[in-house]
Protein backbone atom coordinates (compact mmCIF):
# COMPACT_ATOMS: atom_id res chain seq x y z
CA MET A 1 -48.27 12.11 -32.83
CA PRO A 2 -51.36 10.69 -31.21
CA GLN A 3 -49.43 8.10 -29.17
CA PHE A 4 -48.01 11.03 -27.20
CA GLY A 5 -51.21 13.08 -27.11
CA ILE A 6 -49.74 15.69 -29.45
CA ILE A 7 -51.89 17.47 -31.98
CA ALA A 8 -49.69 20.21 -33.42
CA THR A 9 -51.24 22.79 -35.68
CA GLY A 10 -50.20 26.02 -37.29
CA ALA A 11 -51.27 28.50 -39.92
CA THR A 12 -48.41 27.24 -42.07
CA LYS A 13 -46.53 23.98 -42.37
CA GLU A 14 -43.53 25.61 -40.70
CA GLU A 15 -45.64 26.74 -37.73
CA ALA A 16 -47.09 23.24 -37.33
CA ILE A 17 -43.59 21.72 -37.37
CA GLU A 18 -42.44 24.27 -34.79
CA ALA A 19 -45.43 23.44 -32.57
CA LEU A 20 -44.62 19.72 -32.84
CA GLN A 21 -40.98 20.37 -31.96
CA ASP A 22 -42.00 22.46 -28.95
CA ASP A 23 -44.36 19.75 -27.68
CA LEU A 24 -41.76 17.02 -28.13
CA ALA A 25 -39.13 19.12 -26.36
CA TRP A 26 -41.49 19.61 -23.41
CA LEU A 27 -42.27 15.87 -23.25
CA TRP A 28 -38.57 15.05 -23.38
CA LEU A 29 -37.66 17.45 -20.58
CA GLU A 30 -40.60 16.48 -18.36
CA HIS A 31 -40.44 12.72 -18.87
CA ALA A 32 -37.30 11.40 -20.56
CA CYS A 33 -35.00 13.50 -18.36
CA ALA A 34 -36.88 12.90 -15.11
CA PRO A 35 -35.76 10.29 -12.56
CA ASP A 36 -37.96 7.19 -12.63
CA ASP A 37 -38.83 7.53 -8.95
CA GLN A 38 -40.52 10.87 -9.70
CA LEU A 39 -42.73 9.42 -12.44
CA SER A 40 -45.94 7.42 -12.37
CA GLU A 41 -46.02 4.05 -14.12
CA ASP A 42 -47.72 5.67 -17.15
CA ALA A 43 -45.07 8.39 -17.24
CA ARG A 44 -42.29 5.78 -17.04
CA SER A 45 -43.90 3.98 -19.97
CA LEU A 46 -43.98 7.24 -21.93
CA LYS A 47 -40.33 7.82 -21.01
CA ARG A 48 -39.40 4.40 -22.44
CA GLU A 49 -41.35 5.10 -25.64
CA LEU A 50 -39.68 8.48 -26.11
CA LYS A 51 -36.20 7.07 -25.52
CA GLU A 52 -36.84 4.21 -27.95
CA LEU A 53 -38.19 6.52 -30.64
CA PHE A 54 -35.36 9.05 -30.30
CA LYS A 55 -32.46 6.78 -29.40
CA GLU A 56 -29.02 7.69 -30.64
CA GLU A 57 -27.55 5.43 -33.27
């Protein structure tokens, strides 16, 4: 997911998927869950992108 700066790899497909999940979970906790006043403008933009991509239906 280059738009988020994630390059997940693994020895197997399952390991690569797990690495991607771990990176996305970290991004979510650090950005999407953070108050806007604690984020830079770039981080707020990333927060909006994450919330749009993973919005609940």
